[in-house]
Amino acid sequence: MKTTSSGIAVVLLVAMLAVQSAVADISCSDVLNDLSPCLPFLQGKAAKPSESNNQCCDGVRTLYAAADTRPDRQATCRCLKAAYVQVHAVLSAAQELPGDCGLSLSYNITPDIDCDNFLLHGR
């Protein structure tokens, strides 16, 4: 009985570690902090960020580098999807932002993107 209990404990520990490794390391506050300098551009109140605000593009690049796993990209997606509505972002500005900051994305930014199936195989 003791061997069976030990075996179950090991299996549960391995399962817990596997679940923890799939949890995002990036928080919504990280995402919002990185992109807060972009808010005037995203709301249509400022010129392109590369021209008006280098901090915006620095934040975009920092966020892009930090979201390097699928769980991180999904957490970032969920946060941005919620923030999009709250800050009244202009869709065209949100879609232009990565390119304006020198990044190329392999997907389209839309307010109805499915974050659970988001970027299954990379960026």
PDB file of N, CA and C in Angstrom:
ATOM      1  N   MET A   1       0.823  -1.190   0.000  1.00  0.00           N
ATOM      2  CA  MET A   1       0.000   0.000   0.000  1.00  0.00           C
ATOM      3  C   MET A   1       0.865   1.250   0.000  1.00  0.00           C
ATOM      4  N   LYS A   2       1.997   1.216   0.758  1.00  0.00           N
ATOM      5  CA  LYS A   2       2.879   2.375   0.848  1.00  0.00           C
ATOM      6  C   LYS A   2       3.497   2.673  -0.511  1.00  0.00           C
ATOM      7  N   THR A   3       3.872   1.647  -1.273  1.00  0.00           N
ATOM      8  CA  THR A   3       4.451   1.835  -2.600  1.00  0.00           C
ATOM      9  C   THR A   3       3.436   2.458  -3.543  1.00  0.00           C
ATOM     10  N   THR A   4       2.208   2.023  -3.482  1.00  0.00           N
ATOM     11  CA  THR A   4       1.155   2.578  -4.320  1.00  0.00           C
ATOM     12  C   THR A   4       0.930   4.056  -3.999  1.00  0.00           C
ATOM     13  N   SER A   5       0.894   4.389  -2.727  1.00  0.00           N
ATOM     14  CA  SER A   5       0.708   5.790  -2.320  1.00  0.00           C
ATOM     15  C   SER A   5       1.872   6.653  -2.780  1.00  0.00           C
ATOM     16  N   SER A   6       3.078   6.140  -2.676  1.00  0.00           N
ATOM     17  CA  SER A   6       4.261   6.892  -3.128  1.00  0.00           C
ATOM     18  C   SER A   6       4.215   7.095  -4.632  1.00  0.00           C
ATOM     19  N   GLY A   7       3.803   6.060  -5.350  1.00  0.00           N
ATOM     20  CA  GLY A   7       3.705   6.168  -6.800  1.00  0.00           C
ATOM     21  C   GLY A   7       2.676   7.200  -7.223  1.00  0.00           C
ATOM     22  N   ILE A   8       1.541   7.224  -6.547  1.00  0.00           N
ATOM     23  CA  ILE A   8       0.498   8.208  -6.844  1.00  0.00           C
ATOM     24  C   ILE A   8       1.006   9.607  -6.535  1.00  0.00           C
ATOM     25  N   ALA A   9       1.730   9.764  -5.432  1.00  0.00           N
ATOM     26  CA  ALA A   9       2.263  11.077  -5.056  1.00  0.00           C
ATOM     27  C   ALA A   9       3.242  11.586  -6.111  1.00  0.00           C
ATOM     28  N   VAL A  10       4.077  10.696  -6.633  1.00  0.00           N
ATOM     29  CA  VAL A  10       5.031  11.093  -7.674  1.00  0.00           C
ATOM     30  C   VAL A  10       4.296  11.510  -8.941  1.00  0.00           C
ATOM     31  N   VAL A  11       3.284  10.747  -9.334  1.00  0.00           N
ATOM     32  CA  VAL A  11       2.501  11.079 -10.523  1.00  0.00           C
ATOM     33  C   VAL A  11       1.822  12.432 -10.349  1.00  0.00           C
ATOM     34  N   LEU A  12       1.236  12.686  -9.182  1.00  0.00           N
ATOM     35  CA  LEU A  12       0.589  13.972  -8.928  1.00  0.00           C
ATOM     36  C   LEU A  12       1.594  15.118  -8.955  1.00  0.00           C
ATOM     37  N   LEU A  13       2.779  14.913  -8.396  1.00  0.00           N
ATOM     38  CA  LEU A  13       3.808  15.950  -8.403  1.00  0.00           C
ATOM     39  C   LEU A  13       4.232  16.275  -9.830  1.00  0.00           C
ATOM     40  N   VAL A  14       4.452  15.267 -10.638  1.00  0.00           N
ATOM     41  CA  VAL A  14       4.822  15.485 -12.038  1.00  0.00           C
ATOM     42  C   VAL A  14       3.706  16.217 -12.771  1.00  0.00           C
ATOM     43  N   ALA A  15       2.469  15.844 -12.532  1.00  0.00           N
ATOM     44  CA  ALA A  15       1.324  16.505 -13.177  1.00  0.00           C
ATOM     45  C   ALA A  15       1.257  17.977 -12.762  1.00  0.00           C
ATOM     46  N   MET A  16       1.485  18.265 -11.475  1.00  0.00           N
ATOM     47  CA  MET A  16       1.454  19.646 -11.004  1.00  0.00           C
ATOM     48  C   MET A  16       2.557  20.468 -11.654  1.00  0.00           C
ATOM     49  N   LEU A  17       3.736  19.900 -11.777  1.00  0.00           N
ATOM     50  CA  LEU A  17       4.844  20.614 -12.414  1.00  0.00           C
ATOM     51  C   LEU A  17       4.548  20.880 -13.880  1.00  0.00           C
ATOM     52  N   ALA A  18       3.922  19.931 -14.546  1.00  0.00           N
ATOM     53  CA  ALA A  18       3.567  20.125 -15.961  1.00  0.00           C
ATOM     54  C   ALA A  18       2.550  21.241 -16.107  1.00  0.00           C
ATOM     55  N   VAL A  19       1.585  21.293 -15.219  1.00  0.00           N
ATOM     56  CA  VAL A  19       0.575  22.358 -15.276  1.00  0.00           C
ATOM     57  C   VAL A  19       1.221  23.699 -14.990  1.00  0.00           C
ATOM     58  N   GLN A  20       2.105  23.770 -14.001  1.00  0.00           N
ATOM     59  CA  GLN A  20       2.762  25.025 -13.666  1.00  0.00           C
ATOM     60  C   GLN A  20       3.609  25.538 -14.818  1.00  0.00           C
ATOM     61  N   SER A  21       4.238  24.641 -15.568  1.00  0.00           N
ATOM     62  CA  SER A  21       5.065  25.094 -16.685  1.00  0.00           C
ATOM     63  C   SER A  21       4.226  25.666 -17.819  1.00  0.00           C
ATOM     64  N   ALA A  22       2.929  25.334 -17.847  1.00  0.00           N
ATOM     65  CA  ALA A  22       2.048  25.848 -18.894  1.00  0.00           C
ATOM     66  C   ALA A  22       1.371  27.160 -18.496  1.00  0.00           C
ATOM     67  N   VAL A  23       1.637  27.640 -17.290  1.00  0.00           N
ATOM     68  CA  VAL A  23       1.047  28.891 -16.818  1.00  0.00           C
ATOM     69  C   VAL A  23       1.883  30.056 -17.331  1.00  0.00           C
ATOM     70  N   ALA A  24       1.220  31.109 -17.700  1.00  0.00           N
ATOM     71  CA  ALA A  24       1.904  32.276 -18.247  1.00  0.00           C
ATOM     72  C   ALA A  24       2.753  32.964 -17.186  1.00  0.00           C
ATOM     73  N   ASP A  25       3.918  33.433 -17.609  1.00  0.00           N
ATOM     74  CA  ASP A  25       4.797  34.203 -16.736  1.00  0.00           C
ATOM     75  C   ASP A  25       4.534  35.694 -16.867  1.00  0.00           C
ATOM     76  N   ILE A  26       3.713  36.083 -17.806  1.00  0.00           N
ATOM     77  CA  ILE A  26       3.450  37.489 -18.062  1.00  0.00           C
ATOM     78  C   ILE A  26       2.085  37.850 -17.467  1.00  0.00           C
ATOM     79  N   SER A  27       2.022  38.996 -16.810  1.00  0.00           N
ATOM     80  CA  SER A  27       0.757  39.416 -16.201  1.00  0.00           C
ATOM     81  C   SER A  27       0.131  40.539 -17.017  1.00  0.00           C
ATOM     82  N   CYS A  28      -1.144  40.746 -16.788  1.00  0.00           N
ATOM     83  CA  CYS A  28      -1.841  41.812 -17.505  1.00  0.00           C
ATOM     84  C   CYS A  28      -1.246  43.170 -17.129  1.00  0.00           C
ATOM     85  N   SER A  29      -0.826  43.326 -15.888  1.00  0.00           N
ATOM     86  CA  SER A  29      -0.211  44.604 -15.502  1.00  0.00           C
ATOM     87  C   SER A  29       1.091  44.832 -16.262  1.00  0.00           C
ATOM     88  N   ASP A  30       1.845  43.755 -16.537  1.00  0.00           N
ATOM     89  CA  ASP A  30       3.061  43.885 -17.361  1.00  0.00           C
ATOM     90  C   ASP A  30       2.704  44.377 -18.760  1.00  0.00           C
ATOM     91  N   VAL A  31       1.684  43.774 -19.324  1.00  0.00           N
ATOM     92  CA  VAL A  31       1.246  44.134 -20.675  1.00  0.00           C
ATOM     93  C   VAL A  31       0.828  45.595 -20.729  1.00  0.00           C
ATOM     94  N   LEU A  32       0.001  45.993 -19.775  1.00  0.00           N
ATOM     95  CA  LEU A  32      -0.500  47.372 -19.757  1.00  0.00           C
ATOM     96  C   LEU A  32       0.618  48.376 -19.491  1.00  0.00           C
ATOM     97  N   ASN A  33       1.561  48.023 -18.638  1.00  0.00           N
ATOM     98  CA  ASN A  33       2.696  48.917 -18.383  1.00  0.00           C
ATOM     99  C   ASN A  33       3.540  49.099 -19.630  1.00  0.00           C
ATOM    100  N   ASP A  34       3.783  48.004 -20.350  1.00  0.00           N
ATOM    101  CA  ASP A  34       4.589  48.092 -21.562  1.00  0.00           C
ATOM    102  C   ASP A  34       3.922  48.948 -22.627  1.00  0.00           C
ATOM    103  N   LEU A  35       2.598  48.858 -22.715  1.00  0.00           N
ATOM    104  CA  LEU A  35       1.893  49.562 -23.790  1.00  0.00           C
ATOM    105  C   LEU A  35       1.299  50.912 -23.383  1.00  0.00           C
ATOM    106  N   SER A  36       1.392  51.285 -22.127  1.00  0.00           N
ATOM    107  CA  SER A  36       0.791  52.552 -21.698  1.00  0.00           C
ATOM    108  C   SER A  36       1.323  53.769 -22.456  1.00  0.00           C
ATOM    109  N   PRO A  37       2.609  53.815 -22.855  1.00  0.00           N
ATOM    110  CA  PRO A  37       3.053  54.970 -23.646  1.00  0.00           C
ATOM    111  C   PRO A  37       2.400  55.042 -25.034  1.00  0.00           C
ATOM    112  N   CYS A  38       1.761  53.954 -25.468  1.00  0.00           N
ATOM    113  CA  CYS A  38       1.119  53.907 -26.784  1.00  0.00           C
ATOM    114  C   CYS A  38      -0.332  54.371 -26.748  1.00  0.00           C
ATOM    115  N   LEU A  39      -0.860  54.605 -25.578  1.00  0.00           N
ATOM    116  CA  LEU A  39      -2.281  54.909 -25.448  1.00  0.00           C
ATOM    117  C   LEU A  39      -2.741  56.075 -26.323  1.00  0.00           C
ATOM    118  N   PRO A  40      -2.033  57.205 -26.358  1.00  0.00           N
ATOM    119  CA  PRO A  40      -2.503  58.300 -27.229  1.00  0.00           C
ATOM    120  C   PRO A  40      -2.595  57.879 -28.703  1.00  0.00           C
ATOM    121  N   PHE A  41      -1.629  57.100 -29.164  1.00  0.00           N
ATOM    122  CA  PHE A  41      -1.671  56.620 -30.547  1.00  0.00           C
ATOM    123  C   PHE A  41      -2.836  55.663 -30.749  1.00  0.00           C
ATOM    124  N   LEU A  42      -3.018  54.723 -29.822  1.00  0.00           N
ATOM    125  CA  LEU A  42      -4.078  53.727 -29.949  1.00  0.00           C
ATOM    126  C   LEU A  42      -5.464  54.347 -29.904  1.00  0.00           C
ATOM    127  N   GLN A  43      -5.595  55.481 -29.255  1.00  0.00           N
ATOM    128  CA  GLN A  43      -6.877  56.173 -29.184  1.00  0.00           C
ATOM    129  C   GLN A  43      -7.054  57.194 -30.310  1.00  0.00           C
ATOM    130  N   GLY A  44      -6.079  57.256 -31.215  1.00  0.00           N
ATOM    131  CA  GLY A  44      -6.183  58.155 -32.347  1.00  0.00           C
ATOM    132  C   GLY A  44      -5.880  59.609 -32.025  1.00  0.00           C
ATOM    133  N   LYS A  45      -5.180  59.843 -30.923  1.00  0.00           N
ATOM    134  CA  LYS A  45      -4.891  61.211 -30.483  1.00  0.00           C
ATOM    135  C   LYS A  45      -3.454  61.639 -30.737  1.00  0.00           C
ATOM    136  N   ALA A  46      -2.637  60.772 -31.335  1.00  0.00           N
ATOM    137  CA  ALA A  46      -1.227  61.097 -31.557  1.00  0.00           C
ATOM    138  C   ALA A  46      -0.768  60.513 -32.883  1.00  0.00           C
ATOM    139  N   ALA A  47       0.336  61.065 -33.375  1.00  0.00           N
ATOM    140  CA  ALA A  47       0.930  60.578 -34.623  1.00  0.00           C
ATOM    141  C   ALA A  47       1.511  59.178 -34.410  1.00  0.00           C
ATOM    142  N   LYS A  48       2.033  58.622 -35.461  1.00  0.00           N
ATOM    143  CA  LYS A  48       2.634  57.294 -35.385  1.00  0.00           C
ATOM    144  C   LYS A  48       3.633  57.245 -34.229  1.00  0.00           C
ATOM    145  N   PRO A  49       3.656  56.150 -33.502  1.00  0.00           N
ATOM    146  CA  PRO A  49       4.501  56.082 -32.302  1.00  0.00           C
ATOM    147  C   PRO A  49       5.987  56.221 -32.589  1.00  0.00           C
ATOM    148  N   SER A  50       6.440  55.733 -33.717  1.00  0.00           N
ATOM    149  CA  SER A  50       7.866  55.843 -34.020  1.00  0.00           C
ATOM    150  C   SER A  50       8.267  57.298 -34.219  1.00  0.00           C
ATOM    151  N   GLU A  51       7.326  58.128 -34.617  1.00  0.00           N
ATOM    152  CA  GLU A  51       7.605  59.544 -34.818  1.00  0.00           C
ATOM    153  C   GLU A  51       7.387  60.352 -33.544  1.00  0.00           C
ATOM    154  N   SER A  52       6.404  59.963 -32.749  1.00  0.00           N
ATOM    155  CA  SER A  52       6.016  60.791 -31.621  1.00  0.00           C
ATOM    156  C   SER A  52       6.484  60.274 -30.265  1.00  0.00           C
ATOM    157  N   ASN A  53       6.810  58.991 -30.173  1.00  0.00           N
ATOM    158  CA  ASN A  53       7.049  58.445 -28.854  1.00  0.00           C
ATOM    159  C   ASN A  53       7.883  57.165 -28.937  1.00  0.00           C
ATOM    160  N   ASN A  54       9.178  57.266 -28.700  1.00  0.00           N
ATOM    161  CA  ASN A  54      10.032  56.083 -28.741  1.00  0.00           C
ATOM    162  C   ASN A  54       9.719  55.119 -27.603  1.00  0.00           C
ATOM    163  N   GLN A  55       9.195  55.634 -26.484  1.00  0.00           N
ATOM    164  CA  GLN A  55       8.847  54.759 -25.368  1.00  0.00           C
ATOM    165  C   GLN A  55       7.758  53.770 -25.766  1.00  0.00           C
ATOM    166  N   CYS A  56       6.870  54.179 -26.630  1.00  0.00           N
ATOM    167  CA  CYS A  56       5.810  53.284 -27.095  1.00  0.00           C
ATOM    168  C   CYS A  56       6.427  52.081 -27.801  1.00  0.00           C
ATOM    169  N   CYS A  57       7.258  52.307 -28.774  1.00  0.00           N
ATOM    170  CA  CYS A  57       7.860  51.193 -29.516  1.00  0.00           C
ATOM    171  C   CYS A  57       8.778  50.362 -28.635  1.00  0.00           C
ATOM    172  N   ASP A  58       9.465  51.001 -27.701  1.00  0.00           N
ATOM    173  CA  ASP A  58      10.269  50.235 -26.749  1.00  0.00           C
ATOM    174  C   ASP A  58       9.383  49.273 -25.967  1.00  0.00           C
ATOM    175  N   GLY A  59       8.208  49.742 -25.550  1.00  0.00           N
ATOM    176  CA  GLY A  59       7.274  48.889 -24.819  1.00  0.00           C
ATOM    177  C   GLY A  59       6.722  47.765 -25.676  1.00  0.00           C
ATOM    178  N   VAL A  60       6.420  48.070 -26.932  1.00  0.00           N
ATOM    179  CA  VAL A  60       5.912  47.048 -27.853  1.00  0.00           C
ATOM    180  C   VAL A  60       6.968  45.960 -28.041  1.00  0.00           C
ATOM    181  N   ARG A  61       8.206  46.363 -28.250  1.00  0.00           N
ATOM    182  CA  ARG A  61       9.284  45.373 -28.439  1.00  0.00           C
ATOM    183  C   ARG A  61       9.541  44.573 -27.162  1.00  0.00           C
ATOM    184  N   THR A  62       9.450  45.222 -26.002  1.00  0.00           N
ATOM    185  CA  THR A  62       9.623  44.524 -24.726  1.00  0.00           C
ATOM    186  C   THR A  62       8.532  43.477 -24.550  1.00  0.00           C
ATOM    187  N   LEU A  63       7.307  43.848 -24.836  1.00  0.00           N
ATOM    188  CA  LEU A  63       6.183  42.925 -24.729  1.00  0.00           C
ATOM    189  C   LEU A  63       6.332  41.759 -25.698  1.00  0.00           C
ATOM    190  N   TYR A  64       6.712  42.049 -26.928  1.00  0.00           N
ATOM    191  CA  TYR A  64       6.898  41.006 -27.937  1.00  0.00           C
ATOM    192  C   TYR A  64       7.951  39.995 -27.476  1.00  0.00           C
ATOM    193  N   ALA A  65       9.057  40.500 -26.921  1.00  0.00           N
ATOM    194  CA  ALA A  65      10.128  39.614 -26.455  1.00  0.00           C
ATOM    195  C   ALA A  65       9.687  38.803 -25.237  1.00  0.00           C
ATOM    196  N   ALA A  66       8.891  39.407 -24.363  1.00  0.00           N
ATOM    197  CA  ALA A  66       8.465  38.720 -23.139  1.00  0.00           C
ATOM    198  C   ALA A  66       7.433  37.632 -23.425  1.00  0.00           C
ATOM    199  N   ALA A  67       6.622  37.801 -24.433  1.00  0.00           N
ATOM    200  CA  ALA A  67       5.574  36.827 -24.764  1.00  0.00           C
ATOM    201  C   ALA A  67       6.169  35.755 -25.673  1.00  0.00           C
ATOM    202  N   ASP A  68       7.063  34.959 -25.101  1.00  0.00           N
ATOM    203  CA  ASP A  68       7.813  34.009 -25.911  1.00  0.00           C
ATOM    204  C   ASP A  68       7.345  32.559 -25.799  1.00  0.00           C
ATOM    205  N   THR A  69       6.285  32.329 -25.053  1.00  0.00           N
ATOM    206  CA  THR A  69       5.710  30.988 -24.982  1.00  0.00           C
ATOM    207  C   THR A  69       4.231  31.082 -25.336  1.00  0.00           C
ATOM    208  N   ARG A  70       3.636  29.961 -25.660  1.00  0.00           N
ATOM    209  CA  ARG A  70       2.215  29.974 -25.999  1.00  0.00           C
ATOM    210  C   ARG A  70       1.359  30.495 -24.843  1.00  0.00           C
ATOM    211  N   PRO A  71       1.578  30.033 -23.588  1.00  0.00           N
ATOM    212  CA  PRO A  71       0.782  30.588 -22.484  1.00  0.00           C
ATOM    213  C   PRO A  71       0.977  32.099 -22.320  1.00  0.00           C
ATOM    214  N   ASP A  72       2.197  32.590 -22.520  1.00  0.00           N
ATOM    215  CA  ASP A  72       2.438  34.031 -22.421  1.00  0.00           C
ATOM    216  C   ASP A  72       1.716  34.787 -23.527  1.00  0.00           C
ATOM    217  N   ARG A  73       1.744  34.244 -24.743  1.00  0.00           N
ATOM    218  CA  ARG A  73       1.047  34.901 -25.859  1.00  0.00           C
ATOM    219  C   ARG A  73      -0.462  34.891 -25.628  1.00  0.00           C
ATOM    220  N   GLN A  74      -0.979  33.793 -25.082  1.00  0.00           N
ATOM    221  CA  GLN A  74      -2.415  33.724 -24.810  1.00  0.00           C
ATOM    222  C   GLN A  74      -2.807  34.711 -23.710  1.00  0.00           C
ATOM    223  N   ALA A  75      -1.990  34.814 -22.657  1.00  0.00           N
ATOM    224  CA  ALA A  75      -2.285  35.766 -21.579  1.00  0.00           C
ATOM    225  C   ALA A  75      -2.229  37.192 -22.105  1.00  0.00           C
ATOM    226  N   THR A  76      -1.255  37.478 -22.946  1.00  0.00           N
ATOM    227  CA  THR A  76      -1.137  38.802 -23.547  1.00  0.00           C
ATOM    228  C   THR A  76      -2.355  39.087 -24.413  1.00  0.00           C
ATOM    229  N   CYS A  77      -2.757  38.119 -25.199  1.00  0.00           N
ATOM    230  CA  CYS A  77      -3.931  38.258 -26.062  1.00  0.00           C
ATOM    231  C   CYS A  77      -5.177  38.571 -25.238  1.00  0.00           C
ATOM    232  N   ARG A  78      -5.399  37.820 -24.170  1.00  0.00           N
ATOM    233  CA  ARG A  78      -6.585  38.052 -23.332  1.00  0.00           C
ATOM    234  C   ARG A  78      -6.570  39.451 -22.719  1.00  0.00           C
ATOM    235  N   CYS A  79      -5.419  39.859 -22.247  1.00  0.00           N
ATOM    236  CA  CYS A  79      -5.301  41.180 -21.633  1.00  0.00           C
ATOM    237  C   CYS A  79      -5.568  42.280 -22.656  1.00  0.00           C
ATOM    238  N   LEU A  80      -4.961  42.157 -23.825  1.00  0.00           N
ATOM    239  CA  LEU A  80      -5.136  43.179 -24.862  1.00  0.00           C
ATOM    240  C   LEU A  80      -6.578  43.215 -25.364  1.00  0.00           C
ATOM    241  N   LYS A  81      -7.194  42.057 -25.429  1.00  0.00           N
ATOM    242  CA  LYS A  81      -8.580  41.993 -25.888  1.00  0.00           C
ATOM    243  C   LYS A  81      -9.493  42.737 -24.915  1.00  0.00           C
ATOM    244  N   ALA A  82      -9.266  42.565 -23.622  1.00  0.00           N
ATOM    245  CA  ALA A  82     -10.064  43.263 -22.612  1.00  0.00           C
ATOM    246  C   ALA A  82      -9.750  44.758 -22.606  1.00  0.00           C
ATOM    247  N   ALA A  83      -8.475  45.092 -22.726  1.00  0.00           N
ATOM    248  CA  ALA A  83      -8.065  46.501 -22.679  1.00  0.00           C
ATOM    249  C   ALA A  83      -8.553  47.261 -23.907  1.00  0.00           C
ATOM    250  N   TYR A  84      -8.634  46.605 -25.032  1.00  0.00           N
ATOM    251  CA  TYR A  84      -9.057  47.239 -26.288  1.00  0.00           C
ATOM    252  C   TYR A  84     -10.394  47.956 -26.115  1.00  0.00           C
ATOM    253  N   VAL A  85     -11.318  47.283 -25.473  1.00  0.00           N
ATOM    254  CA  VAL A  85     -12.651  47.851 -25.269  1.00  0.00           C
ATOM    255  C   VAL A  85     -12.599  48.970 -24.225  1.00  0.00           C
ATOM    256  N   GLN A  86     -11.853  48.752 -23.162  1.00  0.00           N
ATOM    257  CA  GLN A  86     -11.812  49.709 -22.060  1.00  0.00           C
ATOM    258  C   GLN A  86     -11.183  51.042 -22.444  1.00  0.00           C
ATOM    259  N   VAL A  87     -10.167  51.008 -23.309  1.00  0.00           N
ATOM    260  CA  VAL A  87      -9.472  52.260 -23.652  1.00  0.00           C
ATOM    261  C   VAL A  87     -10.005  52.884 -24.932  1.00  0.00           C
ATOM    262  N   HIS A  88     -11.015  52.241 -25.536  1.00  0.00           N
ATOM    263  CA  HIS A  88     -11.613  52.749 -26.776  1.00  0.00           C
ATOM    264  C   HIS A  88     -10.554  52.914 -27.865  1.00  0.00           C
ATOM    265  N   ALA A  89      -9.783  51.851 -28.067  1.00  0.00           N
ATOM    266  CA  ALA A  89      -8.728  51.878 -29.075  1.00  0.00           C
ATOM    267  C   ALA A  89      -9.321  51.885 -30.473  1.00  0.00           C
ATOM    268  N   VAL A  90      -8.611  52.494 -31.376  1.00  0.00           N
ATOM    269  CA  VAL A  90      -8.974  52.515 -32.790  1.00  0.00           C
ATOM    270  C   VAL A  90      -8.364  51.263 -33.415  1.00  0.00           C
ATOM    271  N   LEU A  91      -9.187  50.424 -34.040  1.00  0.00           N
ATOM    272  CA  LEU A  91      -8.707  49.150 -34.567  1.00  0.00           C
ATOM    273  C   LEU A  91      -7.551  49.335 -35.541  1.00  0.00           C
ATOM    274  N   SER A  92      -7.654  50.282 -36.444  1.00  0.00           N
ATOM    275  CA  SER A  92      -6.571  50.475 -37.420  1.00  0.00           C
ATOM    276  C   SER A  92      -5.264  50.837 -36.726  1.00  0.00           C
ATOM    277  N   ALA A  93      -5.320  51.607 -35.650  1.00  0.00           N
ATOM    278  CA  ALA A  93      -4.102  51.953 -34.914  1.00  0.00           C
ATOM    279  C   ALA A  93      -3.508  50.711 -34.255  1.00  0.00           C
ATOM    280  N   ALA A  94      -4.359  49.881 -33.653  1.00  0.00           N
ATOM    281  CA  ALA A  94      -3.882  48.647 -33.026  1.00  0.00           C
ATOM    282  C   ALA A  94      -3.252  47.719 -34.057  1.00  0.00           C
ATOM    283  N   GLN A  95      -3.828  47.670 -35.254  1.00  0.00           N
ATOM    284  CA  GLN A  95      -3.290  46.814 -36.302  1.00  0.00           C
ATOM    285  C   GLN A  95      -1.985  47.362 -36.866  1.00  0.00           C
ATOM    286  N   GLU A  96      -1.823  48.674 -36.889  1.00  0.00           N
ATOM    287  CA  GLU A  96      -0.614  49.296 -37.430  1.00  0.00           C
ATOM    288  C   GLU A  96       0.547  49.327 -36.441  1.00  0.00           C
ATOM    289  N   LEU A  97       0.239  49.285 -35.151  1.00  0.00           N
ATOM    290  CA  LEU A  97       1.260  49.486 -34.126  1.00  0.00           C
ATOM    291  C   LEU A  97       2.476  48.569 -34.256  1.00  0.00           C
ATOM    292  N   PRO A  98       2.323  47.254 -34.402  1.00  0.00           N
ATOM    293  CA  PRO A  98       3.528  46.415 -34.509  1.00  0.00           C
ATOM    294  C   PRO A  98       4.418  46.824 -35.689  1.00  0.00           C
ATOM    295  N   GLY A  99       3.834  47.034 -36.851  1.00  0.00           N
ATOM    296  CA  GLY A  99       4.613  47.435 -38.024  1.00  0.00           C
ATOM    297  C   GLY A  99       5.265  48.788 -37.859  1.00  0.00           C
ATOM    298  N   ASP A 100       4.548  49.731 -37.225  1.00  0.00           N
ATOM    299  CA  ASP A 100       5.119  51.051 -36.971  1.00  0.00           C
ATOM    300  C   ASP A 100       6.338  50.965 -36.064  1.00  0.00           C
ATOM    301  N   CYS A 101       6.385  49.915 -35.266  1.00  0.00           N
ATOM    302  CA  CYS A 101       7.505  49.725 -34.340  1.00  0.00           C
ATOM    303  C   CYS A 101       8.523  48.709 -34.865  1.00  0.00           C
ATOM    304  N   GLY A 102       8.390  48.331 -36.133  1.00  0.00           N
ATOM    305  CA  GLY A 102       9.390  47.468 -36.761  1.00  0.00           C
ATOM    306  C   GLY A 102       9.193  45.984 -36.536  1.00  0.00           C
ATOM    307  N   LEU A 103       8.007  45.558 -36.104  1.00  0.00           N
ATOM    308  CA  LEU A 103       7.747  44.141 -35.893  1.00  0.00           C
ATOM    309  C   LEU A 103       6.783  43.625 -36.952  1.00  0.00           C
ATOM    310  N   SER A 104       6.960  42.374 -37.316  1.00  0.00           N
ATOM    311  CA  SER A 104       6.071  41.734 -38.269  1.00  0.00           C
ATOM    312  C   SER A 104       5.370  40.582 -37.569  1.00  0.00           C
ATOM    313  N   LEU A 105       4.046  40.608 -37.579  1.00  0.00           N
ATOM    314  CA  LEU A 105       3.267  39.545 -36.949  1.00  0.00           C
ATOM    315  C   LEU A 105       2.681  38.639 -38.020  1.00  0.00           C
ATOM    316  N   SER A 106       2.531  37.361 -37.688  1.00  0.00           N
ATOM    317  CA  SER A 106       2.000  36.389 -38.648  1.00  0.00           C
ATOM    318  C   SER A 106       0.492  36.223 -38.520  1.00  0.00           C
ATOM    319  N   TYR A 107      -0.165  37.132 -37.829  1.00  0.00           N
ATOM    320  CA  TYR A 107      -1.602  37.053 -37.622  1.00  0.00           C
ATOM    321  C   TYR A 107      -2.181  38.461 -37.662  1.00  0.00           C
ATOM    322  N   ASN A 108      -3.481  38.541 -37.819  1.00  0.00           N
ATOM    323  CA  ASN A 108      -4.162  39.832 -37.836  1.00  0.00           C
ATOM    324  C   ASN A 108      -4.691  40.152 -36.448  1.00  0.00           C
ATOM    325  N   ILE A 109      -4.501  41.367 -36.032  1.00  0.00           N
ATOM    326  CA  ILE A 109      -5.043  41.831 -34.760  1.00  0.00           C
ATOM    327  C   ILE A 109      -6.508  42.184 -34.992  1.00  0.00           C
ATOM    328  N   THR A 110      -7.379  41.523 -34.249  1.00  0.00           N
ATOM    329  CA  THR A 110      -8.812  41.805 -34.329  1.00  0.00           C
ATOM    330  C   THR A 110      -9.390  41.737 -32.921  1.00  0.00           C
ATOM    331  N   PRO A 111     -10.473  42.454 -32.663  1.00  0.00           N
ATOM    332  CA  PRO A 111     -11.070  42.407 -31.327  1.00  0.00           C
ATOM    333  C   PRO A 111     -11.757  41.088 -31.013  1.00  0.00           C
ATOM    334  N   ASP A 112     -11.994  40.253 -32.017  1.00  0.00           N
ATOM    335  CA  ASP A 112     -12.662  38.976 -31.771  1.00  0.00           C
ATOM    336  C   ASP A 112     -11.734  37.773 -31.937  1.00  0.00           C
ATOM    337  N   ILE A 113     -10.428  37.986 -31.843  1.00  0.00           N
ATOM    338  CA  ILE A 113      -9.465  36.894 -31.962  1.00  0.00           C
ATOM    339  C   ILE A 113      -9.714  35.868 -30.861  1.00  0.00           C
ATOM    340  N   ASP A 114      -9.550  34.608 -31.165  1.00  0.00           N
ATOM    341  CA  ASP A 114      -9.739  33.525 -30.207  1.00  0.00           C
ATOM    342  C   ASP A 114      -8.412  33.270 -29.500  1.00  0.00           C
ATOM    343  N   CYS A 115      -8.265  33.804 -28.301  1.00  0.00           N
ATOM    344  CA  CYS A 115      -7.004  33.703 -27.563  1.00  0.00           C
ATOM    345  C   CYS A 115      -6.671  32.277 -27.155  1.00  0.00           C
ATOM    346  N   ASP A 116      -7.666  31.414 -26.984  1.00  0.00           N
ATOM    347  CA  ASP A 116      -7.395  30.028 -26.596  1.00  0.00           C
ATOM    348  C   ASP A 116      -6.728  29.241 -27.719  1.00  0.00           C
ATOM    349  N   ASN A 117      -7.022  29.578 -28.950  1.00  0.00           N
ATOM    350  CA  ASN A 117      -6.404  28.899 -30.091  1.00  0.00           C
ATOM    351  C   ASN A 117      -5.370  29.794 -30.753  1.00  0.00           C
ATOM    352  N   PHE A 118      -4.937  30.786 -30.049  1.00  0.00           N
ATOM    353  CA  PHE A 118      -4.047  31.820 -30.540  1.00  0.00           C
ATOM    354  C   PHE A 118      -2.622  31.312 -30.665  1.00  0.00           C
ATOM    355  N   LEU A 119      -2.075  31.432 -31.836  1.00  0.00           N
ATOM    356  CA  LEU A 119      -0.676  31.110 -32.080  1.00  0.00           C
ATOM    357  C   LEU A 119      -0.260  29.750 -31.558  1.00  0.00           C
ATOM    358  N   LEU A 120      -0.801  28.750 -32.172  1.00  0.00           N
ATOM    359  CA  LEU A 120      -0.484  27.396 -31.741  1.00  0.00           C
ATOM    360  C   LEU A 120       0.969  27.028 -31.970  1.00  0.00           C
ATOM    361  N   HIS A 121       1.588  27.577 -32.984  1.00  0.00           N
ATOM    362  CA  HIS A 121       2.942  27.146 -33.344  1.00  0.00           C
ATOM    363  C   HIS A 121       3.946  28.277 -33.419  1.00  0.00           C
ATOM    364  N   GLY A 122       3.781  29.323 -32.677  1.00  0.00           N
ATOM    365  CA  GLY A 122       4.767  30.399 -32.705  1.00  0.00           C
ATOM    366  C   GLY A 122       4.151  31.728 -32.982  1.00  0.00           C
ATOM    367  N   ARG A 123       4.949  32.653 -33.425  1.00  0.00           N
ATOM    368  CA  ARG A 123       4.519  34.037 -33.573  1.00  0.00           C
ATOM    369  C   ARG A 123       3.918  34.240 -34.906  1.00  0.00           C
TER     370      ARG A 123
END
